[in-house]
Amino acid sequence: MTGNSTGMWSLRELVEHYLALSGGFGRALSLSDFPLIDEQIGRLFSSFDEDYHISRFFHFSKSGGRNYRIGGEDVSHVSIDQAIQEIL
């Protein structure tokens, strides 16, 4: 896994992985599709969900499959708005 010394991805790295896996912005992607262990997925997405300027571009849903606790809710999928490019 790339990223900083804590093993976490930057926002840019997360978006790049999302696009490669989902095929485009606005498409729901299972969180379990990310090449991370469960603990890393929860920590990574929770850290971005806590930042209003970032979290407004993330849309979490519960659509079956493995659930992760993000922002106090159980979710299984994420979609990211194309507008996130404004802050990358």
N, C-alpha and C. Protein backbone atom coordinates (compact mmCIF):
# COMPACT_ATOMS: atom_id res chain seq x y z
N MET A 1 0.85 -1.18 0.00
CA MET A 1 0.00 0.00 0.00
C MET A 1 0.88 1.23 0.00
N THR A 2 0.52 2.21 -0.79
CA THR A 2 1.23 3.47 -0.77
C THR A 2 0.63 4.34 0.31
N GLY A 3 1.20 5.50 0.51
CA GLY A 3 0.64 6.41 1.50
C GLY A 3 1.73 6.96 2.38
N ASN A 4 1.33 7.65 3.41
CA ASN A 4 2.30 8.25 4.31
C ASN A 4 2.82 7.23 5.32
N SER A 5 3.58 7.71 6.27
CA SER A 5 4.24 6.80 7.21
C SER A 5 3.26 6.04 8.12
N THR A 6 2.02 6.52 8.23
CA THR A 6 1.04 5.81 9.04
C THR A 6 0.34 4.72 8.25
N GLY A 7 0.67 4.61 6.95
CA GLY A 7 0.02 3.61 6.12
C GLY A 7 -1.31 4.07 5.55
N MET A 8 -1.68 5.32 5.79
CA MET A 8 -2.94 5.84 5.29
C MET A 8 -2.73 6.51 3.94
N TRP A 9 -3.73 6.43 3.09
CA TRP A 9 -3.67 7.06 1.78
C TRP A 9 -4.00 8.53 1.90
N SER A 10 -3.46 9.31 1.00
CA SER A 10 -3.88 10.71 0.87
C SER A 10 -5.24 10.71 0.18
N LEU A 11 -5.91 11.85 0.19
CA LEU A 11 -7.19 11.98 -0.49
C LEU A 11 -7.01 11.68 -1.98
N ARG A 12 -5.96 12.20 -2.57
CA ARG A 12 -5.71 11.97 -3.99
C ARG A 12 -5.56 10.46 -4.28
N GLU A 13 -4.81 9.76 -3.44
CA GLU A 13 -4.63 8.32 -3.62
C GLU A 13 -5.95 7.57 -3.49
N LEU A 14 -6.76 7.97 -2.53
CA LEU A 14 -8.06 7.33 -2.34
C LEU A 14 -8.93 7.52 -3.58
N VAL A 15 -8.97 8.74 -4.09
CA VAL A 15 -9.79 9.03 -5.27
C VAL A 15 -9.26 8.25 -6.48
N GLU A 16 -7.96 8.17 -6.64
CA GLU A 16 -7.39 7.41 -7.75
C GLU A 16 -7.78 5.94 -7.67
N HIS A 17 -7.73 5.36 -6.48
CA HIS A 17 -8.14 3.96 -6.31
C HIS A 17 -9.63 3.81 -6.59
N TYR A 18 -10.43 4.74 -6.09
CA TYR A 18 -11.87 4.70 -6.32
C TYR A 18 -12.18 4.69 -7.81
N LEU A 19 -11.55 5.60 -8.55
CA LEU A 19 -11.81 5.69 -9.99
C LEU A 19 -11.37 4.43 -10.73
N ALA A 20 -10.22 3.90 -10.35
CA ALA A 20 -9.73 2.68 -11.00
C ALA A 20 -10.67 1.50 -10.74
N LEU A 21 -11.24 1.43 -9.55
CA LEU A 21 -12.10 0.30 -9.18
C LEU A 21 -13.54 0.47 -9.65
N SER A 22 -14.04 1.71 -9.63
CA SER A 22 -15.45 1.95 -9.94
C SER A 22 -15.69 2.25 -11.41
N GLY A 23 -14.68 2.77 -12.09
CA GLY A 23 -14.84 3.13 -13.49
C GLY A 23 -15.33 4.54 -13.72
N GLY A 24 -15.57 5.29 -12.64
CA GLY A 24 -15.99 6.68 -12.82
C GLY A 24 -16.64 7.24 -11.57
N PHE A 25 -16.71 8.56 -11.53
CA PHE A 25 -17.34 9.24 -10.41
C PHE A 25 -18.82 8.93 -10.34
N GLY A 26 -19.36 8.97 -9.12
CA GLY A 26 -20.79 8.82 -8.90
C GLY A 26 -21.28 7.38 -8.89
N ARG A 27 -20.39 6.43 -9.01
CA ARG A 27 -20.78 5.01 -9.01
C ARG A 27 -20.53 4.40 -7.64
N ALA A 28 -21.52 3.71 -7.13
CA ALA A 28 -21.38 3.06 -5.82
C ALA A 28 -20.37 1.93 -5.92
N LEU A 29 -19.44 1.92 -4.99
CA LEU A 29 -18.39 0.91 -4.94
C LEU A 29 -18.37 0.30 -3.55
N SER A 30 -18.31 -1.00 -3.49
CA SER A 30 -18.22 -1.67 -2.20
C SER A 30 -16.91 -1.29 -1.51
N LEU A 31 -16.99 -0.92 -0.25
CA LEU A 31 -15.79 -0.57 0.50
C LEU A 31 -14.83 -1.76 0.57
N SER A 32 -15.36 -2.97 0.53
CA SER A 32 -14.50 -4.14 0.60
C SER A 32 -13.67 -4.33 -0.67
N ASP A 33 -13.98 -3.59 -1.73
CA ASP A 33 -13.19 -3.68 -2.97
C ASP A 33 -11.85 -2.96 -2.86
N PHE A 34 -11.71 -2.07 -1.89
CA PHE A 34 -10.45 -1.37 -1.72
C PHE A 34 -9.40 -2.34 -1.18
N PRO A 35 -8.17 -2.27 -1.69
CA PRO A 35 -7.13 -3.23 -1.28
C PRO A 35 -6.52 -2.89 0.08
N LEU A 36 -7.37 -2.90 1.09
CA LEU A 36 -6.97 -2.59 2.45
C LEU A 36 -7.62 -3.61 3.39
N ILE A 37 -7.06 -3.75 4.58
CA ILE A 37 -7.70 -4.60 5.57
C ILE A 37 -8.86 -3.82 6.20
N ASP A 38 -9.78 -4.53 6.82
CA ASP A 38 -10.98 -3.91 7.36
C ASP A 38 -10.68 -2.72 8.27
N GLU A 39 -9.73 -2.87 9.16
CA GLU A 39 -9.40 -1.79 10.09
C GLU A 39 -8.93 -0.53 9.34
N GLN A 40 -8.15 -0.71 8.29
CA GLN A 40 -7.66 0.43 7.52
C GLN A 40 -8.80 1.12 6.77
N ILE A 41 -9.72 0.34 6.25
CA ILE A 41 -10.87 0.92 5.54
C ILE A 41 -11.67 1.80 6.49
N GLY A 42 -11.98 1.27 7.66
CA GLY A 42 -12.74 2.04 8.65
C GLY A 42 -12.03 3.30 9.07
N ARG A 43 -10.75 3.19 9.33
CA ARG A 43 -9.96 4.35 9.78
C ARG A 43 -9.83 5.40 8.67
N LEU A 44 -9.53 4.97 7.45
CA LEU A 44 -9.33 5.89 6.33
C LEU A 44 -10.60 6.67 6.02
N PHE A 45 -11.70 5.96 5.81
CA PHE A 45 -12.93 6.65 5.45
C PHE A 45 -13.49 7.47 6.61
N SER A 46 -13.31 7.01 7.83
CA SER A 46 -13.76 7.80 8.98
C SER A 46 -12.99 9.10 9.08
N SER A 47 -11.69 9.06 8.80
CA SER A 47 -10.89 10.28 8.89
C SER A 47 -11.35 11.31 7.87
N PHE A 48 -11.70 10.88 6.66
CA PHE A 48 -12.19 11.83 5.66
C PHE A 48 -13.63 12.24 5.94
N ASP A 49 -14.41 11.36 6.52
CA ASP A 49 -15.80 11.68 6.85
C ASP A 49 -15.89 12.74 7.94
N GLU A 50 -14.88 12.86 8.77
CA GLU A 50 -14.88 13.85 9.85
C GLU A 50 -14.57 15.26 9.36
N ASP A 51 -14.09 15.40 8.14
CA ASP A 51 -13.74 16.70 7.58
C ASP A 51 -14.85 17.16 6.63
N TYR A 52 -15.58 18.22 7.02
CA TYR A 52 -16.73 18.67 6.24
C TYR A 52 -16.35 18.99 4.79
N HIS A 53 -15.21 19.59 4.58
CA HIS A 53 -14.82 20.00 3.24
C HIS A 53 -14.55 18.80 2.33
N ILE A 54 -14.30 17.67 2.92
CA ILE A 54 -14.09 16.44 2.15
C ILE A 54 -15.35 15.58 2.15
N SER A 55 -15.98 15.43 3.31
CA SER A 55 -17.10 14.49 3.45
C SER A 55 -18.29 14.83 2.56
N ARG A 56 -18.44 16.07 2.18
CA ARG A 56 -19.59 16.45 1.34
C ARG A 56 -19.53 15.82 -0.04
N PHE A 57 -18.37 15.32 -0.44
CA PHE A 57 -18.22 14.67 -1.74
C PHE A 57 -18.40 13.15 -1.66
N PHE A 58 -18.47 12.62 -0.44
CA PHE A 58 -18.60 11.18 -0.22
C PHE A 58 -20.05 10.86 0.11
N HIS A 59 -20.58 9.81 -0.50
CA HIS A 59 -21.94 9.37 -0.23
C HIS A 59 -21.89 7.88 0.12
N PHE A 60 -22.19 7.60 1.37
CA PHE A 60 -22.15 6.23 1.86
C PHE A 60 -23.55 5.62 1.82
N SER A 61 -23.60 4.32 1.57
CA SER A 61 -24.88 3.62 1.56
C SER A 61 -24.69 2.21 2.11
N LYS A 62 -25.79 1.61 2.43
CA LYS A 62 -25.79 0.23 2.91
C LYS A 62 -26.55 -0.59 1.87
N SER A 63 -25.79 -1.31 1.06
CA SER A 63 -26.39 -2.01 -0.08
C SER A 63 -26.06 -3.49 -0.10
N GLY A 64 -25.79 -4.06 1.04
CA GLY A 64 -25.44 -5.46 1.11
C GLY A 64 -23.94 -5.67 1.07
N GLY A 65 -23.54 -6.81 1.53
CA GLY A 65 -22.11 -7.09 1.59
C GLY A 65 -21.54 -6.72 2.94
N ARG A 66 -20.23 -6.66 3.02
CA ARG A 66 -19.50 -6.35 4.26
C ARG A 66 -19.80 -4.92 4.70
N ASN A 67 -20.15 -4.75 5.98
CA ASN A 67 -20.42 -3.42 6.53
C ASN A 67 -19.22 -2.91 7.30
N TYR A 68 -19.04 -1.61 7.27
CA TYR A 68 -17.98 -0.92 8.01
C TYR A 68 -18.62 0.22 8.78
N ARG A 69 -18.06 0.55 9.93
CA ARG A 69 -18.59 1.63 10.76
C ARG A 69 -17.89 2.93 10.35
N ILE A 70 -18.63 3.81 9.67
CA ILE A 70 -18.11 5.09 9.21
C ILE A 70 -19.06 6.17 9.72
N GLY A 71 -18.52 7.15 10.42
CA GLY A 71 -19.35 8.24 10.91
C GLY A 71 -20.48 7.78 11.80
N GLY A 72 -20.26 6.71 12.55
CA GLY A 72 -21.28 6.21 13.47
C GLY A 72 -22.36 5.38 12.82
N GLU A 73 -22.24 5.09 11.54
CA GLU A 73 -23.24 4.29 10.84
C GLU A 73 -22.59 3.10 10.17
N ASP A 74 -23.36 2.03 10.02
CA ASP A 74 -22.90 0.87 9.27
C ASP A 74 -23.17 1.11 7.79
N VAL A 75 -22.12 1.06 6.98
CA VAL A 75 -22.25 1.28 5.54
C VAL A 75 -21.44 0.22 4.80
N SER A 76 -21.80 -0.01 3.56
CA SER A 76 -21.09 -1.01 2.76
C SER A 76 -20.51 -0.44 1.47
N HIS A 77 -21.04 0.69 1.00
CA HIS A 77 -20.63 1.25 -0.28
C HIS A 77 -20.36 2.75 -0.17
N VAL A 78 -19.58 3.25 -1.12
CA VAL A 78 -19.32 4.68 -1.22
C VAL A 78 -19.37 5.09 -2.67
N SER A 79 -19.87 6.28 -2.92
CA SER A 79 -19.72 6.92 -4.22
C SER A 79 -19.11 8.28 -3.95
N ILE A 80 -18.34 8.76 -4.90
CA ILE A 80 -17.64 10.03 -4.75
C ILE A 80 -18.04 10.95 -5.89
N ASP A 81 -18.41 12.18 -5.56
CA ASP A 81 -18.79 13.17 -6.56
C ASP A 81 -17.57 13.66 -7.34
N GLN A 82 -17.78 13.92 -8.61
CA GLN A 82 -16.72 14.43 -9.47
C GLN A 82 -16.19 15.78 -8.98
N ALA A 83 -17.02 16.54 -8.30
CA ALA A 83 -16.62 17.86 -7.80
C ALA A 83 -15.47 17.79 -6.80
N ILE A 84 -15.15 16.61 -6.31
CA ILE A 84 -14.03 16.48 -5.37
C ILE A 84 -12.72 16.92 -6.02
N GLN A 85 -12.69 16.91 -7.33
CA GLN A 85 -11.47 17.34 -8.04
C GLN A 85 -11.09 18.78 -7.71
N GLU A 86 -12.07 19.57 -7.27
CA GLU A 86 -11.81 20.97 -6.90
C GLU A 86 -10.82 21.08 -5.73
N ILE A 87 -10.78 20.07 -4.88
CA ILE A 87 -9.90 20.16 -3.69
C ILE A 87 -8.70 19.25 -3.76
N LEU A 88 -8.52 18.55 -4.86
CA LEU A 88 -7.35 17.67 -4.99
C LEU A 88 -6.11 18.45 -5.37
